[in-house]
Each structure stands twice: as C-alpha cells, then as structure tokens.
C-alpha cells in the first residue's frame, strides 16, 4: 500500500476486490472496442495506471480499465483511493468522460454545461467575474487570489481553444430542448456551426429551423425564414405609469426628443430607441461584408482566417453579454 498526495489531496494506492467497486448510475457506458484494446494491452503489459476511486470505493476515473480487468477475469485491481469528495469527485469523473471515443457533439456540450456548474460551484469567485474586486486588487495579479476561469481551465484540460469552449457553451445554453432533440435524432450530423446558428435564433424559431435543416428543406440555417406567424410584430410593451419621463409610445418619445425646448435627459424609451438604432446600423454594416465587392475574397479565406474571424466575433458576443449583465444587475437593484 502506497501513501502520497496529489493536488493537496491524500491518495492511497491499494488492491481492491472488483466486486466492491461501485459505478454511479447514469455514467456514460464504456466503449466495448476500447475495452477490448485495453484488455489486450493489459494482458501483455499489465495495468500501468491504476483506476481512481473515492473513499467509499465509488469509481472516479478508469471505467474502461475496470471493464478490461473484468474481461480478463481479474478478481481485484490496483486503485488510487482519493480524498476527493462530492463535487470534486464528480468533476474528476466528468473530466474523464471527455476523452471517451464516439462522444457526440450534443453529449460534449451537455458535459461542458455540467462541468461549468461544478467548476463554478467549487470556485464561486470565477462566476460572472467573481466578486468584482476593484481594479487595484485585480492588477495585483496574486497567484493565490483565485482559480482560473471556467473557460481557461476547460480549454487547458481539454487542449482546445478557449473560443471553442465559449461557442459550445453558448450553443448548449441557448438551444431549446425541442431543437436539441431534433438535432440529436438527425440521420446526418448537424454541424457545430449550424447548431450554433440555430441557438442564436429566437426560441420559437429554433424548432422549425432545426426541423427544416434536418429534413433537407434548407441547406443551411442562413436559408431559414420564419413563418408569417413568427414575423408578426411583437406585442407592444404595456403602457408605463403616467410619470414624468415616460411615454406611452415610441412615437411620443421621439417627438419629445425633437422638442427644442425640452430639457435633455435620458428616459427608458430613449435608451431603447438609441440602442435599437445602434444595433440596426451594426447589422446593416455586417451585411456589406458578404456583398459583391467581397465575392473574390471570401472563397479563398483559409482556416486560419476563419479562426481569427471567429475570435473577433466572439469578442462582440462577449461584449454584448457583459452589457446585458450590467443592465440586468442595475434593473434588479
């Protein structure tokens, strides 16, 4: 029996009877091809890396090694008994699931969502900017001040670009359950880019867009056009109370803004109007980048160009998300 520590947690290596090892319900099933390959390797070389269990002998990492040992007829297996408990143990178990073969895009995104919940529960200071410490404290850059953000930690653990983590989390969070089910049941794989674009549609449009894409009625999400019932003007905002600075309609607010004798100050309607105008101009500007003047440029863009464009677009998404968070926090005060 060996004692040592890992990541500040005491671990013990020992032989444990296989029948005493518990595997949590709902864990992803082992890939039988991978189990057979491991069994062949273990039969020739032995078990190089022990499996990991918690102090109750519940499996944390090593399902395929455990199944291979069973296939070889072993009665016991070398285990690392970890001091990890609760959320930490679940996070360690979940991280192992990311290396499984044949992990679908949907499964990958759902695992990311759960990892985000676990990681931010263990490191609440990383959630939504943490405790929003002053810039002076932030600039101190103390190594022990806080854990890496979920995005940074996940990108490093999975050896993928942070932009990929952001994109997949955004897709998983914004896709409606109905759209997820349609994508999951598609005969042909729906690409990550298509799933992301569906997730950016209004919730009442996602199901229809996903169904049309899967059925082959449209070749890309860009070809999707909402049905007439979905393009009707939204119901107007309820009239606010008759308080100075509020107006029953946008037209009344515009008329007030044009009044040269009116004292200039911001109102909820003027904020909405100017912000909507900004977004409208922004969207119109974006359309120009796929206009005729770029017809010769776009087809020769390389993957490196696409990656850089994606990173820039993600910066815009992050800025809008941060703006909404700030607005929401002020509204809730």
Protein backbone atom coordinates (compact mmCIF):
# COMPACT_ATOMS: atom_id res chain seq x y z
CA UNK A 1 0.00 0.00 0.00
CA UNK A 2 1.42 3.42 -1.05
CA UNK A 3 0.60 6.82 0.50
CA UNK A 4 1.23 10.16 -1.19
CA UNK A 5 -0.56 13.37 -2.10
CA UNK A 6 -1.88 14.85 -5.33
CA UNK A 7 -3.27 18.37 -5.70
CA UNK A 8 -3.35 18.69 -1.95
CA UNK A 9 -5.44 15.56 -1.54
CA UNK A 10 -4.20 12.45 0.21
CA UNK A 11 -4.27 9.38 -2.00
CA UNK A 12 -3.68 5.72 -1.23
CA UNK A 13 -2.79 3.02 -3.76
CA UNK A 14 -4.05 -0.44 -2.92
CA UNK A 15 -5.57 -3.61 -4.38
CA UNK A 16 -9.39 -3.64 -4.08
CA UNK A 17 -11.73 -6.53 -4.93
CA UNK A 18 -13.57 -5.64 -8.11
CA UNK A 19 -16.96 -6.57 -6.67
CA UNK A 20 -16.54 -3.82 -4.05
CA UNK A 21 -16.13 -1.05 -6.65
CA UNK A 22 -19.29 0.94 -7.33
CA UNK A 23 -20.09 2.65 -10.63
CA UNK A 24 -22.59 5.50 -10.41
CA UNK A 25 -25.85 5.15 -12.34
CA UNK A 26 -26.12 7.39 -15.37
CA UNK A 27 -22.42 7.28 -16.15
CA UNK A 28 -21.59 7.04 -19.84
CA UNK A 29 -21.25 3.40 -20.89
CA UNK A 30 -17.84 2.04 -21.79
CA UNK A 31 -16.89 1.70 -25.45
CA UNK A 32 -16.54 -2.04 -26.00
CA UNK A 33 -13.94 -1.64 -28.74
CA UNK A 34 -11.78 0.45 -26.40
CA UNK A 35 -12.29 -2.11 -23.62
CA UNK A 36 -11.06 -4.92 -25.88
CA UNK A 37 -8.00 -2.90 -26.92
CA UNK A 38 -7.19 -2.17 -23.29
CA UNK A 39 -7.68 -5.79 -22.28
CA UNK A 40 -5.17 -6.88 -24.93
CA UNK A 41 -2.69 -4.24 -23.78
CA UNK A 42 -3.11 -5.03 -20.09
CA UNK A 43 -2.73 -8.76 -20.75
CA UNK A 44 0.63 -8.04 -22.40
CA UNK A 45 1.99 -5.13 -20.32
CA UNK A 46 -0.03 -5.17 -17.13
CA UNK A 47 -2.04 -2.31 -15.64
CA UNK A 48 0.20 0.75 -16.00
CA UNK A 49 -2.16 3.32 -14.45
CA UNK A 50 -4.41 2.35 -11.51
CA UNK A 51 -8.06 3.33 -11.60
CA UNK A 52 -9.26 6.02 -9.17
CA UNK A 53 -12.00 5.58 -6.56
CA UNK A 54 -13.19 7.66 -3.64
CA UNK A 55 -13.10 6.54 -0.03
CA UNK A 56 -16.39 4.66 -0.49
CA UNK A 57 -14.85 2.79 -3.43
CA UNK A 58 -17.05 4.63 -5.94
CA UNK A 59 -15.34 4.91 -9.31
CA UNK A 60 -13.99 8.37 -10.20
CA UNK A 61 -11.79 7.54 -13.19
CA UNK A 62 -10.92 4.36 -15.07
CA UNK A 63 -14.17 2.75 -16.27
CA UNK A 64 -12.55 1.22 -19.36
CA UNK A 65 -9.64 -0.15 -17.33
CA UNK A 66 -12.11 -1.61 -14.84
CA UNK A 67 -14.14 -3.28 -17.60
CA UNK A 68 -10.97 -4.61 -19.21
CA UNK A 69 -9.92 -6.14 -15.89
CA UNK A 70 -13.33 -7.81 -15.58
CA UNK A 71 -12.96 -9.15 -19.13
CA UNK A 72 -9.58 -10.63 -18.18
CA UNK A 73 -11.17 -12.35 -15.20
CA UNK A 74 -9.35 -10.34 -12.54
CA UNK A 75 -10.77 -10.52 -9.03
CA UNK A 76 -9.05 -7.35 -7.81
CA UNK A 77 -7.47 -4.28 -9.34
CA UNK A 78 -4.98 -1.66 -8.20
CA UNK A 79 -6.74 1.53 -7.20
CA UNK A 80 -5.84 5.04 -6.19
CA UNK A 81 -8.13 5.85 -3.27
CA UNK A 82 -8.58 9.59 -3.45
CA UNK A 83 -9.62 12.06 -0.80
CA UNK A 84 -11.79 13.85 -3.37
CA UNK A 85 -15.40 14.06 -2.28
CA UNK A 86 -18.70 15.39 -3.53
CA UNK A 87 -18.43 17.96 -6.31
CA UNK A 88 -14.68 17.47 -6.69
CA UNK A 89 -15.11 13.76 -7.27
CA UNK A 90 -17.91 14.35 -9.76
CA UNK A 91 -15.79 16.90 -11.61
CA UNK A 92 -12.88 14.44 -11.83
CA UNK A 93 -15.23 11.71 -13.08
CA UNK A 94 -16.79 14.05 -15.63
CA UNK A 95 -13.38 15.14 -16.95
CA UNK A 96 -12.57 11.54 -17.76
CA UNK A 97 -15.75 11.30 -19.84
CA UNK A 98 -14.40 13.94 -22.22
CA UNK A 99 -11.74 11.53 -23.50
CA UNK A 100 -14.27 8.87 -24.45
CA UNK A 101 -14.48 7.75 -28.05
CA UNK A 102 -17.63 8.46 -30.10
CA UNK A 103 -18.73 11.37 -27.91
CA UNK A 104 -21.40 13.17 -29.94
CA UNK A 105 -21.49 16.96 -30.23
CA UNK A 106 -24.65 17.03 -28.11
CA UNK A 107 -23.07 14.89 -25.40
CA UNK A 108 -19.94 17.04 -25.45
CA UNK A 109 -21.98 20.22 -24.98
CA UNK A 110 -24.05 18.76 -22.17
CA UNK A 111 -20.88 17.63 -20.39
CA UNK A 112 -19.50 21.15 -20.76
CA UNK A 113 -22.63 22.61 -19.18
CA UNK A 114 -22.39 20.26 -16.22
CA UNK A 115 -18.66 20.94 -15.89
CA UNK A 116 -19.40 24.67 -15.77
CA UNK A 117 -21.92 24.14 -12.96
CA UNK A 118 -19.49 22.01 -10.96
CA UNK A 119 -16.46 24.20 -11.54
CA UNK A 120 -18.25 27.43 -10.61
CA UNK A 121 -19.74 25.78 -7.53
CA UNK A 122 -16.23 24.80 -6.42
CA UNK A 123 -14.78 28.18 -7.44
CA UNK A 124 -17.58 30.76 -6.99
CA UNK A 125 -15.08 33.59 -7.37
CA UNK A 126 -14.84 32.74 -11.09
CA UNK A 127 -18.57 33.04 -11.75
CA UNK A 128 -19.70 36.17 -13.65
CA UNK A 129 -16.49 37.97 -12.89
CA UNK A 130 -16.25 36.64 -9.33
CA UNK A 131 -16.69 39.10 -6.51
CA UNK A 132 -15.93 42.01 -8.87
CA UNK A 133 -12.93 43.16 -6.93
CA UNK A 134 -11.55 46.61 -7.51
CA UNK A 135 -9.19 47.17 -10.41
CA UNK A 136 -6.38 47.86 -7.92
CA UNK A 137 -6.75 44.39 -6.43
CA UNK A 138 -7.12 42.77 -9.83
CA UNK A 139 -3.90 44.37 -11.04
CA UNK A 140 -2.05 42.83 -8.10
CA UNK A 141 -2.22 39.50 -10.00
CA UNK A 142 -1.74 37.40 -6.90
CA UNK A 143 -1.27 33.78 -7.96
CA UNK A 144 -3.28 32.55 -4.99
CA UNK A 145 -6.08 35.09 -5.41
CA UNK A 146 -8.46 32.92 -7.40
CA UNK A 147 -8.71 29.91 -9.67
CA UNK A 148 -8.59 30.24 -13.47
CA UNK A 149 -11.90 30.99 -15.13
CA UNK A 150 -14.02 28.06 -16.28
CA UNK A 151 -13.16 28.86 -19.90
CA UNK A 152 -9.42 28.95 -19.21
CA UNK A 153 -9.42 25.81 -17.08
CA UNK A 154 -11.54 23.81 -19.52
CA UNK A 155 -9.53 24.88 -22.57
CA UNK A 156 -6.32 23.79 -20.86
CA UNK A 157 -7.76 20.49 -19.60
CA UNK A 158 -9.21 19.53 -23.00
CA UNK A 159 -6.39 21.08 -25.06
CA UNK A 160 -8.79 23.15 -27.17
CA UNK A 161 -9.06 26.87 -27.92
CA UNK A 162 -10.99 29.00 -25.38
CA UNK A 163 -13.18 30.28 -28.24
CA UNK A 164 -14.32 26.71 -28.85
CA UNK A 165 -15.37 26.34 -25.21
CA UNK A 166 -17.28 29.64 -25.35
CA UNK A 167 -19.02 28.66 -28.58
CA UNK A 168 -20.07 25.21 -27.35
CA UNK A 169 -21.32 26.57 -24.01
CA UNK A 170 -23.31 29.25 -25.80
CA UNK A 171 -24.88 26.61 -28.04
CA UNK A 172 -25.72 24.30 -25.13
CA UNK A 173 -27.24 27.11 -23.04
CA UNK A 174 -29.32 28.71 -25.80
CA UNK A 175 -30.65 25.71 -27.72
CA UNK A 176 -34.21 24.88 -26.70
CA UNK A 177 -34.97 21.29 -25.58
CA UNK A 178 -37.06 20.76 -28.73
CA UNK A 179 -34.24 21.89 -31.02
CA UNK A 180 -31.74 19.70 -29.13
CA UNK A 181 -33.99 16.67 -29.58
CA UNK A 182 -34.33 17.26 -33.32
CA UNK A 183 -30.57 17.68 -33.75
CA UNK A 184 -29.89 14.60 -31.61
CA UNK A 185 -32.21 12.44 -33.73
CA UNK A 186 -30.95 13.61 -37.12
CA UNK A 187 -29.87 10.91 -39.57
CA UNK A 188 -27.00 13.10 -40.74
CA UNK A 189 -24.84 15.01 -38.27
CA UNK A 190 -25.75 18.65 -37.76
CA UNK A 191 -22.50 20.61 -37.77
CA UNK A 192 -21.37 22.59 -34.75
CA UNK A 193 -21.64 25.80 -36.75
CA UNK A 194 -25.24 25.04 -37.75
CA UNK A 195 -26.16 24.19 -34.15
CA UNK A 196 -24.61 27.49 -33.02
CA UNK A 197 -26.60 29.46 -35.58
CA UNK A 198 -29.83 27.73 -34.58
CA UNK A 199 -29.11 28.57 -30.93
CA UNK A 200 -28.93 32.27 -31.87
CA UNK A 201 -32.47 32.26 -33.27
CA UNK A 202 -35.46 33.22 -31.17
CA UNK A 203 -36.68 30.26 -29.04
CA UNK A 204 -39.93 29.98 -31.01
CA UNK A 205 -37.97 29.71 -34.29
CA UNK A 206 -35.35 27.14 -33.29
CA UNK A 207 -37.58 24.07 -33.56
CA UNK A 208 -38.76 24.98 -37.03
CA UNK A 209 -35.29 25.86 -38.29
CA UNK A 210 -33.80 22.64 -36.89
CA UNK A 211 -36.60 20.55 -38.41
CA UNK A 212 -36.17 22.17 -41.84
CA UNK A 213 -32.40 21.67 -41.75
CA UNK A 214 -32.62 18.01 -40.69
CA UNK A 215 -35.32 17.30 -43.30
CA UNK A 216 -33.18 18.83 -46.05
CA UNK A 217 -35.69 21.59 -46.79
CA UNK A 218 -32.89 24.11 -46.29
CA UNK A 219 -29.18 23.58 -46.88
CA UNK A 220 -28.02 25.94 -44.16
CA UNK A 221 -29.51 27.92 -41.29
CA UNK A 222 -28.89 31.09 -43.32
CA UNK A 223 -31.66 29.94 -45.69
CA UNK A 224 -34.19 29.69 -42.88
CA UNK A 225 -37.05 32.20 -42.95
CA UNK A 226 -39.60 32.26 -40.11
CA UNK A 227 -43.20 31.51 -40.94
CA UNK A 228 -45.53 34.53 -41.21
CA UNK A 229 -46.92 33.92 -37.74
CA UNK A 230 -43.42 34.31 -36.34
CA UNK A 231 -42.68 37.54 -38.22
CA UNK A 232 -45.65 39.44 -36.90
CA UNK A 233 -44.82 42.49 -34.84
CA UNK A 234 -44.38 41.62 -31.17
CA UNK A 235 -46.98 42.73 -28.71
CA UNK A 236 -46.34 46.32 -27.59
CA UNK A 237 -44.90 46.99 -24.19
CA UNK A 238 -47.61 47.72 -21.62
CA UNK A 239 -48.08 51.42 -21.13
CA UNK A 240 -45.94 52.61 -18.22
CA UNK A 241 -47.40 54.67 -15.41
CA UNK A 242 -48.03 58.33 -16.13
CA UNK A 243 -44.77 59.58 -14.63
CA UNK A 244 -42.65 62.39 -15.97
CA UNK A 245 -40.05 60.99 -18.36
CA UNK A 246 -42.20 58.04 -19.56
CA UNK A 247 -44.17 57.95 -22.82
CA UNK A 248 -46.95 55.60 -23.95
CA UNK A 249 -45.40 55.03 -27.40
CA UNK A 250 -42.02 55.29 -29.12
CA UNK A 251 -43.51 57.98 -31.40
CA UNK A 252 -44.31 60.13 -28.39
CA UNK A 253 -40.77 59.61 -27.12
CA UNK A 254 -39.29 60.65 -30.49
CA UNK A 255 -41.49 63.74 -30.59
CA UNK A 256 -40.24 64.65 -27.14
CA UNK A 257 -36.63 64.21 -28.23
CA UNK A 258 -37.23 66.59 -31.16
CA UNK A 259 -38.71 69.23 -28.91
CA UNK A 260 -36.04 72.03 -28.87
CA UNK A 261 -37.46 73.49 -25.67
CA UNK A 262 -37.35 70.22 -23.75
CA UNK A 263 -34.74 69.62 -21.10
CA UNK A 264 -32.45 66.86 -22.38
CA UNK A 265 -32.29 63.80 -20.19
CA UNK A 266 -32.36 60.04 -20.71
CA UNK A 267 -35.55 58.01 -20.46
CA UNK A 268 -36.22 54.26 -20.79
CA UNK A 269 -37.80 54.83 -24.21
CA UNK A 270 -34.91 56.95 -25.47
CA UNK A 271 -32.46 54.33 -24.24
CA UNK A 272 -34.32 51.57 -26.09
CA UNK A 273 -34.63 53.67 -29.23
CA UNK A 274 -30.97 54.67 -29.43
CA UNK A 275 -29.77 51.14 -28.59
CA UNK A 276 -32.08 49.64 -31.24
CA UNK A 277 -30.80 52.17 -33.77
CA UNK A 278 -27.21 51.26 -32.94
CA UNK A 279 -27.92 47.53 -33.43
CA UNK A 280 -29.77 48.17 -36.67
CA UNK A 281 -26.85 50.14 -38.10
CA UNK A 282 -24.43 47.47 -36.86
CA UNK A 283 -26.37 44.68 -38.60
CA UNK A 284 -26.59 46.70 -41.81
CA UNK A 285 -22.84 47.22 -41.71
CA UNK A 286 -22.26 43.48 -41.30
CA UNK A 287 -24.27 42.73 -44.45
CA UNK A 288 -21.74 44.69 -46.50
CA UNK A 289 -19.03 42.11 -45.73
CA UNK A 290 -20.82 39.48 -47.80
CA UNK A 291 -21.64 41.88 -50.64
CA UNK A 292 -20.45 41.65 -54.26
CA UNK A 293 -17.20 43.50 -53.55
CA UNK A 294 -16.01 40.50 -51.50
CA UNK A 295 -17.08 37.77 -53.93
CA UNK A 296 -13.47 37.14 -54.94
CA UNK A 297 -12.11 37.31 -51.40
CA UNK A 298 -14.37 35.04 -49.36
CA UNK A 299 -13.78 31.80 -51.34
CA UNK A 300 -10.00 31.98 -50.74
CA UNK A 301 -10.07 32.57 -46.99
CA UNK A 302 -8.02 29.97 -45.14
CA UNK A 303 -8.92 28.10 -41.96
CA UNK A 304 -6.54 30.43 -40.12
CA UNK A 305 -8.55 33.40 -41.40
CA UNK A 306 -11.79 31.75 -40.28
CA UNK A 307 -10.38 31.09 -36.81
CA UNK A 308 -9.36 34.73 -36.44
CA UNK A 309 -12.76 35.93 -37.67
CA UNK A 310 -14.46 33.63 -35.20
CA UNK A 311 -12.34 35.03 -32.36
CA UNK A 312 -13.28 38.60 -33.31
CA UNK A 313 -16.97 37.71 -33.50
CA UNK A 314 -16.74 36.05 -30.10
CA UNK A 315 -15.38 39.31 -28.68
CA UNK A 316 -18.55 41.03 -29.89
CA UNK A 317 -20.71 38.35 -28.28
CA UNK A 318 -18.81 38.69 -25.03
CA UNK A 319 -19.19 42.48 -25.08
CA UNK A 320 -22.95 42.23 -25.62
CA UNK A 321 -23.28 39.60 -22.90
CA UNK A 322 -21.33 41.79 -20.49
CA UNK A 323 -23.50 44.81 -21.36
CA UNK A 324 -26.67 42.83 -20.71
CA UNK A 325 -25.29 41.57 -17.38
CA UNK A 326 -24.58 45.14 -16.32
CA UNK A 327 -28.06 46.30 -17.34
CA UNK A 328 -29.72 43.33 -15.64
CA UNK A 329 -27.86 43.94 -12.39
CA UNK A 330 -28.96 47.58 -12.32
CA UNK A 331 -32.58 46.65 -13.10
CA UNK A 332 -32.65 44.12 -10.25
CA UNK A 333 -31.37 46.62 -7.66
